[in-house]
């Protein structure tokens, strides 16, 4: 049983990291786009358009919602 307890703790930790990083993407889409491009300054080719920022926010929101649901599942049973 201790092994199962440790596996559950590791899974919870991974889900917390997943949810937190997704929320960071929702709050800071420009930084996420810059990191995705290798940390380079966004020039004329890599301009962060509102559509790209909106897509990052939508994806981050969906992923953080999924993480929160998965974290809440054990409390529902």
PDB file of N, CA and C in Angstrom:
ATOM      1  N   UNK A   1       0.793  -1.209   0.000  1.00  0.00           N
ATOM      2  CA  UNK A   1       0.000   0.000   0.000  1.00  0.00           C
ATOM      3  C   UNK A   1       0.841   1.282   0.000  1.00  0.00           C
ATOM      4  N   UNK A   2       2.025   1.283   0.655  1.00  0.00           N
ATOM      5  CA  UNK A   2       2.805   2.524   0.618  1.00  0.00           C
ATOM      6  C   UNK A   2       3.201   2.920  -0.804  1.00  0.00           C
ATOM      7  N   UNK A   3       3.448   1.923  -1.653  1.00  0.00           N
ATOM      8  CA  UNK A   3       3.817   2.229  -3.035  1.00  0.00           C
ATOM      9  C   UNK A   3       2.676   2.939  -3.756  1.00  0.00           C
ATOM     10  N   UNK A   4       1.455   2.494  -3.512  1.00  0.00           N
ATOM     11  CA  UNK A   4       0.283   3.129  -4.120  1.00  0.00           C
ATOM     12  C   UNK A   4       0.112   4.555  -3.607  1.00  0.00           C
ATOM     13  N   UNK A   5       0.394   4.756  -2.325  1.00  0.00           N
ATOM     14  CA  UNK A   5       0.295   6.099  -1.752  1.00  0.00           C
ATOM     15  C   UNK A   5       1.314   7.038  -2.396  1.00  0.00           C
ATOM     16  N   UNK A   6       2.538   6.543  -2.599  1.00  0.00           N
ATOM     17  CA  UNK A   6       3.582   7.365  -3.224  1.00  0.00           C
ATOM     18  C   UNK A   6       3.251   7.652  -4.682  1.00  0.00           C
ATOM     19  N   UNK A   7       2.691   6.685  -5.375  1.00  0.00           N
ATOM     20  CA  UNK A   7       2.308   6.903  -6.773  1.00  0.00           C
ATOM     21  C   UNK A   7       1.206   7.944  -6.865  1.00  0.00           C
ATOM     22  N   UNK A   8       0.256   7.909  -5.942  1.00  0.00           N
ATOM     23  CA  UNK A   8      -0.811   8.912  -5.931  1.00  0.00           C
ATOM     24  C   UNK A   8      -0.274  10.298  -5.643  1.00  0.00           C
ATOM     25  N   UNK A   9       0.704  10.381  -4.735  1.00  0.00           N
ATOM     26  CA  UNK A   9       1.314  11.680  -4.421  1.00  0.00           C
ATOM     27  C   UNK A   9       2.071  12.231  -5.630  1.00  0.00           C
ATOM     28  N   UNK A  10       2.786  11.366  -6.333  1.00  0.00           N
ATOM     29  CA  UNK A  10       3.510  11.810  -7.524  1.00  0.00           C
ATOM     30  C   UNK A  10       2.546  12.250  -8.627  1.00  0.00           C
ATOM     31  N   UNK A  11       1.447  11.523  -8.778  1.00  0.00           N
ATOM     32  CA  UNK A  11       0.449  11.907  -9.763  1.00  0.00           C
ATOM     33  C   UNK A  11      -0.177  13.257  -9.410  1.00  0.00           C
ATOM     34  N   UNK A  12      -0.463  13.472  -8.132  1.00  0.00           N
ATOM     35  CA  UNK A  12      -1.012  14.762  -7.705  1.00  0.00           C
ATOM     36  C   UNK A  12      -0.021  15.884  -7.961  1.00  0.00           C
ATOM     37  N   UNK A  13       1.246  15.639  -7.690  1.00  0.00           N
ATOM     38  CA  UNK A  13       2.269  16.643  -7.931  1.00  0.00           C
ATOM     39  C   UNK A  13       2.362  16.976  -9.422  1.00  0.00           C
ATOM     40  N   UNK A  14       2.309  15.960 -10.263  1.00  0.00           N
ATOM     41  CA  UNK A  14       2.346  16.198 -11.710  1.00  0.00           C
ATOM     42  C   UNK A  14       1.125  16.983 -12.168  1.00  0.00           C
ATOM     43  N   UNK A  15      -0.044  16.679 -11.606  1.00  0.00           N
ATOM     44  CA  UNK A  15      -1.254  17.407 -11.994  1.00  0.00           C
ATOM     45  C   UNK A  15      -1.222  18.853 -11.519  1.00  0.00           C
ATOM     46  N   UNK A  16      -0.645  19.095 -10.355  1.00  0.00           N
ATOM     47  CA  UNK A  16      -0.500  20.472  -9.866  1.00  0.00           C
ATOM     48  C   UNK A  16       0.440  21.252 -10.780  1.00  0.00           C
ATOM     49  N   UNK A  17       1.546  20.641 -11.188  1.00  0.00           N
ATOM     50  CA  UNK A  17       2.466  21.294 -12.113  1.00  0.00           C
ATOM     51  C   UNK A  17       1.782  21.558 -13.450  1.00  0.00           C
ATOM     52  N   UNK A  18       1.042  20.580 -13.959  1.00  0.00           N
ATOM     53  CA  UNK A  18       0.298  20.709 -15.220  1.00  0.00           C
ATOM     54  C   UNK A  18      -0.653  21.898 -15.136  1.00  0.00           C
ATOM     55  N   UNK A  19      -1.441  21.959 -14.054  1.00  0.00           N
ATOM     56  CA  UNK A  19      -2.434  23.011 -13.893  1.00  0.00           C
ATOM     57  C   UNK A  19      -1.766  24.372 -13.746  1.00  0.00           C
ATOM     58  N   UNK A  20      -0.707  24.439 -12.963  1.00  0.00           N
ATOM     59  CA  UNK A  20      -0.015  25.711 -12.768  1.00  0.00           C
ATOM     60  C   UNK A  20       0.623  26.238 -14.037  1.00  0.00           C
ATOM     61  N   UNK A  21       1.260  25.367 -14.797  1.00  0.00           N
ATOM     62  CA  UNK A  21       1.888  25.824 -16.039  1.00  0.00           C
ATOM     63  C   UNK A  21       0.837  26.214 -17.072  1.00  0.00           C
ATOM     64  N   UNK A  22      -0.310  25.551 -17.052  1.00  0.00           N
ATOM     65  CA  UNK A  22      -1.392  25.927 -17.962  1.00  0.00           C
ATOM     66  C   UNK A  22      -1.971  27.287 -17.593  1.00  0.00           C
ATOM     67  N   UNK A  23      -2.117  27.528 -16.295  1.00  0.00           N
ATOM     68  CA  UNK A  23      -2.604  28.838 -15.863  1.00  0.00           C
ATOM     69  C   UNK A  23      -1.599  29.940 -16.204  1.00  0.00           C
ATOM     70  N   UNK A  24      -0.310  29.630 -16.141  1.00  0.00           N
ATOM     71  CA  UNK A  24       0.703  30.601 -16.552  1.00  0.00           C
ATOM     72  C   UNK A  24       0.527  30.949 -18.031  1.00  0.00           C
ATOM     73  N   UNK A  25       0.217  29.952 -18.856  1.00  0.00           N
ATOM     74  CA  UNK A  25      -0.005  30.205 -20.281  1.00  0.00           C
ATOM     75  C   UNK A  25      -1.225  31.094 -20.491  1.00  0.00           C
ATOM     76  N   UNK A  26      -2.257  30.927 -19.664  1.00  0.00           N
ATOM     77  CA  UNK A  26      -3.447  31.758 -19.780  1.00  0.00           C
ATOM     78  C   UNK A  26      -3.123  33.206 -19.421  1.00  0.00           C
ATOM     79  N   UNK A  27      -2.323  33.387 -18.375  1.00  0.00           N
ATOM     80  CA  UNK A  27      -2.045  34.735 -17.885  1.00  0.00           C
ATOM     81  C   UNK A  27      -0.946  35.456 -18.668  1.00  0.00           C
ATOM     82  N   UNK A  28      -0.008  34.709 -19.253  1.00  0.00           N
ATOM     83  CA  UNK A  28       1.142  35.318 -19.932  1.00  0.00           C
ATOM     84  C   UNK A  28       1.383  34.680 -21.298  1.00  0.00           C
ATOM     85  N   UNK A  29       0.479  34.863 -22.270  1.00  0.00           N
ATOM     86  CA  UNK A  29       0.660  34.192 -23.569  1.00  0.00           C
ATOM     87  C   UNK A  29       1.870  34.691 -24.350  1.00  0.00           C
ATOM     88  N   UNK A  30       2.268  35.951 -24.197  1.00  0.00           N
ATOM     89  CA  UNK A  30       3.436  36.452 -24.937  1.00  0.00           C
ATOM     90  C   UNK A  30       4.712  35.755 -24.497  1.00  0.00           C
ATOM     91  N   UNK A  31       4.841  35.531 -23.200  1.00  0.00           N
ATOM     92  CA  UNK A  31       6.036  34.849 -22.693  1.00  0.00           C
ATOM     93  C   UNK A  31       6.065  33.409 -23.192  1.00  0.00           C
ATOM     94  N   UNK A  32       4.909  32.757 -23.216  1.00  0.00           N
ATOM     95  CA  UNK A  32       4.845  31.376 -23.711  1.00  0.00           C
ATOM     96  C   UNK A  32       5.238  31.316 -25.182  1.00  0.00           C
ATOM     97  N   UNK A  33       4.767  32.268 -25.971  1.00  0.00           N
ATOM     98  CA  UNK A  33       5.138  32.291 -27.391  1.00  0.00           C
ATOM     99  C   UNK A  33       6.625  32.554 -27.564  1.00  0.00           C
ATOM    100  N   UNK A  34       7.191  33.438 -26.743  1.00  0.00           N
ATOM    101  CA  UNK A  34       8.629  33.712 -26.836  1.00  0.00           C
ATOM    102  C   UNK A  34       9.439  32.478 -26.441  1.00  0.00           C
ATOM    103  N   UNK A  35       9.008  31.761 -25.419  1.00  0.00           N
ATOM    104  CA  UNK A  35       9.709  30.546 -25.014  1.00  0.00           C
ATOM    105  C   UNK A  35       9.596  29.462 -26.083  1.00  0.00           C
ATOM    106  N   UNK A  36       8.458  29.391 -26.751  1.00  0.00           N
ATOM    107  CA  UNK A  36       8.276  28.403 -27.807  1.00  0.00           C
ATOM    108  C   UNK A  36       9.185  28.681 -29.003  1.00  0.00           C
ATOM    109  N   UNK A  37       9.561  29.942 -29.175  1.00  0.00           N
ATOM    110  CA  UNK A  37      10.445  30.308 -30.284  1.00  0.00           C
ATOM    111  C   UNK A  37      11.908  30.300 -29.870  1.00  0.00           C
ATOM    112  N   UNK A  38      12.211  29.702 -28.751  1.00  0.00           N
ATOM    113  CA  UNK A  38      13.591  29.589 -28.315  1.00  0.00           C
ATOM    114  C   UNK A  38      14.070  30.765 -27.496  1.00  0.00           C
ATOM    115  N   UNK A  39      13.165  31.556 -26.954  1.00  0.00           N
ATOM    116  CA  UNK A  39      13.535  32.685 -26.120  1.00  0.00           C
ATOM    117  C   UNK A  39      14.031  33.883 -26.895  1.00  0.00           C
ATOM    118  N   UNK A  40      13.878  33.877 -28.210  1.00  0.00           N
ATOM    119  CA  UNK A  40      14.327  34.999 -29.022  1.00  0.00           C
ATOM    120  C   UNK A  40      13.312  36.131 -28.938  1.00  0.00           C
ATOM    121  N   UNK A  41      13.806  37.336 -29.159  1.00  0.00           N
ATOM    122  CA  UNK A  41      12.890  38.465 -29.229  1.00  0.00           C
ATOM    123  C   UNK A  41      11.983  38.302 -30.432  1.00  0.00           C
ATOM    124  N   UNK A  42      10.749  38.724 -30.261  1.00  0.00           N
ATOM    125  CA  UNK A  42       9.793  38.578 -31.352  1.00  0.00           C
ATOM    126  C   UNK A  42      10.003  39.721 -32.341  1.00  0.00           C
ATOM    127  N   UNK A  43      10.486  39.357 -33.494  1.00  0.00           N
ATOM    128  CA  UNK A  43      10.702  40.338 -34.545  1.00  0.00           C
ATOM    129  C   UNK A  43       9.514  40.392 -35.477  1.00  0.00           C
ATOM    130  N   UNK A  44       9.781  40.777 -36.700  1.00  0.00           N
ATOM    131  CA  UNK A  44       8.693  40.900 -37.666  1.00  0.00           C
ATOM    132  C   UNK A  44       8.087  39.550 -38.036  1.00  0.00           C
ATOM    133  N   UNK A  45       8.881  38.478 -38.022  1.00  0.00           N
ATOM    134  CA  UNK A  45       8.367  37.165 -38.405  1.00  0.00           C
ATOM    135  C   UNK A  45       7.597  36.498 -37.274  1.00  0.00           C
ATOM    136  N   UNK A  46       8.005  36.743 -36.028  1.00  0.00           N
ATOM    137  CA  UNK A  46       7.382  36.063 -34.904  1.00  0.00           C
ATOM    138  C   UNK A  46       6.476  36.955 -34.086  1.00  0.00           C
ATOM    139  N   UNK A  47       5.778  37.850 -34.728  1.00  0.00           N
ATOM    140  CA  UNK A  47       4.921  38.790 -34.014  1.00  0.00           C
ATOM    141  C   UNK A  47       3.806  38.043 -33.283  1.00  0.00           C
ATOM    142  N   UNK A  48       3.587  38.409 -32.032  1.00  0.00           N
ATOM    143  CA  UNK A  48       2.534  37.784 -31.224  1.00  0.00           C
ATOM    144  C   UNK A  48       1.204  38.458 -31.551  1.00  0.00           C
ATOM    145  N   UNK A  49       0.466  37.881 -32.465  1.00  0.00           N
ATOM    146  CA  UNK A  49      -0.810  38.453 -32.867  1.00  0.00           C
ATOM    147  C   UNK A  49      -1.872  38.128 -31.822  1.00  0.00           C
ATOM    148  N   UNK A  50      -2.930  38.920 -31.774  1.00  0.00           N
ATOM    149  CA  UNK A  50      -4.009  38.634 -30.825  1.00  0.00           C
ATOM    150  C   UNK A  50      -4.644  37.261 -31.048  1.00  0.00           C
ATOM    151  N   UNK A  51      -4.671  36.790 -32.294  1.00  0.00           N
ATOM    152  CA  UNK A  51      -5.239  35.468 -32.559  1.00  0.00           C
ATOM    153  C   UNK A  51      -4.372  34.374 -31.944  1.00  0.00           C
ATOM    154  N   UNK A  52      -3.056  34.510 -32.056  1.00  0.00           N
ATOM    155  CA  UNK A  52      -2.154  33.517 -31.460  1.00  0.00           C
ATOM    156  C   UNK A  52      -2.237  33.555 -29.942  1.00  0.00           C
ATOM    157  N   UNK A  53      -2.320  34.761 -29.379  1.00  0.00           N
ATOM    158  CA  UNK A  53      -2.441  34.886 -27.936  1.00  0.00           C
ATOM    159  C   UNK A  53      -3.767  34.299 -27.455  1.00  0.00           C
ATOM    160  N   UNK A  54      -4.819  34.512 -28.213  1.00  0.00           N
ATOM    161  CA  UNK A  54      -6.119  33.950 -27.853  1.00  0.00           C
ATOM    162  C   UNK A  54      -6.104  32.432 -27.889  1.00  0.00           C
ATOM    163  N   UNK A  55      -5.424  31.873 -28.885  1.00  0.00           N
ATOM    164  CA  UNK A  55      -5.328  30.419 -28.994  1.00  0.00           C
ATOM    165  C   UNK A  55      -4.539  29.848 -27.820  1.00  0.00           C
ATOM    166  N   UNK A  56      -3.453  30.522 -27.434  1.00  0.00           N
ATOM    167  CA  UNK A  56      -2.666  30.082 -26.284  1.00  0.00           C
ATOM    168  C   UNK A  56      -3.518  30.149 -25.020  1.00  0.00           C
ATOM    169  N   UNK A  57      -4.277  31.219 -24.852  1.00  0.00           N
ATOM    170  CA  UNK A  57      -5.130  31.352 -23.667  1.00  0.00           C
ATOM    171  C   UNK A  57      -6.210  30.275 -23.636  1.00  0.00           C
ATOM    172  N   UNK A  58      -6.790  29.975 -24.786  1.00  0.00           N
ATOM    173  CA  UNK A  58      -7.832  28.945 -24.845  1.00  0.00           C
ATOM    174  C   UNK A  58      -7.246  27.574 -24.517  1.00  0.00           C
ATOM    175  N   UNK A  59      -6.127  27.244 -25.111  1.00  0.00           N
ATOM    176  CA  UNK A  59      -5.496  25.950 -24.841  1.00  0.00           C
ATOM    177  C   UNK A  59      -5.068  25.838 -23.384  1.00  0.00           C
ATOM    178  N   UNK A  60      -4.496  26.906 -22.848  1.00  0.00           N
ATOM    179  CA  UNK A  60      -4.082  26.891 -21.442  1.00  0.00           C
ATOM    180  C   UNK A  60      -5.272  26.750 -20.513  1.00  0.00           C
ATOM    181  N   UNK A  61      -6.367  27.423 -20.834  1.00  0.00           N
ATOM    182  CA  UNK A  61      -7.573  27.315 -20.016  1.00  0.00           C
ATOM    183  C   UNK A  61      -8.151  25.919 -20.036  1.00  0.00           C
ATOM    184  N   UNK A  62      -8.183  25.303 -21.205  1.00  0.00           N
ATOM    185  CA  UNK A  62      -8.709  23.936 -21.309  1.00  0.00           C
ATOM    186  C   UNK A  62      -7.821  22.953 -20.545  1.00  0.00           C
ATOM    187  N   UNK A  63      -6.501  23.115 -20.660  1.00  0.00           N
ATOM    188  CA  UNK A  63      -5.593  22.213 -19.974  1.00  0.00           C
ATOM    189  C   UNK A  63      -5.659  22.395 -18.458  1.00  0.00           C
ATOM    190  N   UNK A  64      -5.775  23.645 -17.993  1.00  0.00           N
ATOM    191  CA  UNK A  64      -5.861  23.849 -16.552  1.00  0.00           C
ATOM    192  C   UNK A  64      -7.185  23.334 -16.005  1.00  0.00           C
ATOM    193  N   UNK A  65      -8.254  23.476 -16.761  1.00  0.00           N
ATOM    194  CA  UNK A  65      -9.543  22.930 -16.344  1.00  0.00           C
ATOM    195  C   UNK A  65      -9.472  21.406 -16.252  1.00  0.00           C
ATOM    196  N   UNK A  66      -8.824  20.784 -17.227  1.00  0.00           N
ATOM    197  CA  UNK A  66      -8.665  19.328 -17.184  1.00  0.00           C
ATOM    198  C   UNK A  66      -7.836  18.904 -15.972  1.00  0.00           C
ATOM    199  N   UNK A  67      -6.790  19.646 -15.656  1.00  0.00           N
ATOM    200  CA  UNK A  67      -5.974  19.334 -14.485  1.00  0.00           C
ATOM    201  C   UNK A  67      -6.752  19.480 -13.194  1.00  0.00           C
ATOM    202  N   UNK A  68      -7.559  20.537 -13.096  1.00  0.00           N
ATOM    203  CA  UNK A  68      -8.360  20.723 -11.886  1.00  0.00           C
ATOM    204  C   UNK A  68      -9.405  19.628 -11.733  1.00  0.00           C
ATOM    205  N   UNK A  69     -10.005  19.218 -12.828  1.00  0.00           N
ATOM    206  CA  UNK A  69     -10.994  18.129 -12.762  1.00  0.00           C
ATOM    207  C   UNK A  69     -10.329  16.837 -12.310  1.00  0.00           C
ATOM    208  N   UNK A  70      -9.157  16.534 -12.871  1.00  0.00           N
ATOM    209  CA  UNK A  70      -8.450  15.312 -12.480  1.00  0.00           C
ATOM    210  C   UNK A  70      -8.004  15.362 -11.017  1.00  0.00           C
ATOM    211  N   UNK A  71      -7.635  16.557 -10.536  1.00  0.00           N
ATOM    212  CA  UNK A  71      -7.264  16.668  -9.134  1.00  0.00           C
ATOM    213  C   UNK A  71      -8.473  16.505  -8.218  1.00  0.00           C
ATOM    214  N   UNK A  72      -9.644  16.908  -8.675  1.00  0.00           N
ATOM    215  CA  UNK A  72     -10.857  16.835  -7.846  1.00  0.00           C
ATOM    216  C   UNK A  72     -11.527  15.467  -7.892  1.00  0.00           C
ATOM    217  N   UNK A  73     -11.203  14.620  -8.851  1.00  0.00           N
ATOM    218  CA  UNK A  73     -11.845  13.313  -8.977  1.00  0.00           C
ATOM    219  C   UNK A  73     -11.775  12.452  -7.709  1.00  0.00           C
ATOM    220  N   UNK A  74     -10.634  12.350  -7.054  1.00  0.00           N
ATOM    221  CA  UNK A  74     -10.611  11.519  -5.843  1.00  0.00           C
ATOM    222  C   UNK A  74     -11.526  12.046  -4.731  1.00  0.00           C
ATOM    223  N   UNK A  75     -11.762  13.329  -4.675  1.00  0.00           N
ATOM    224  CA  UNK A  75     -12.632  13.892  -3.645  1.00  0.00           C
ATOM    225  C   UNK A  75     -14.101  13.620  -3.933  1.00  0.00           C
ATOM    226  N   UNK A  76     -14.439  13.313  -5.176  1.00  0.00           N
ATOM    227  CA  UNK A  76     -15.821  13.076  -5.543  1.00  0.00           C
ATOM    228  C   UNK A  76     -16.279  11.660  -5.249  1.00  0.00           C
ATOM    229  N   UNK A  77     -15.346  10.743  -5.037  1.00  0.00           N
ATOM    230  CA  UNK A  77     -15.741   9.352  -4.794  1.00  0.00           C
ATOM    231  C   UNK A  77     -15.804   9.033  -3.323  1.00  0.00           C
TER     232      UNK A  77
END
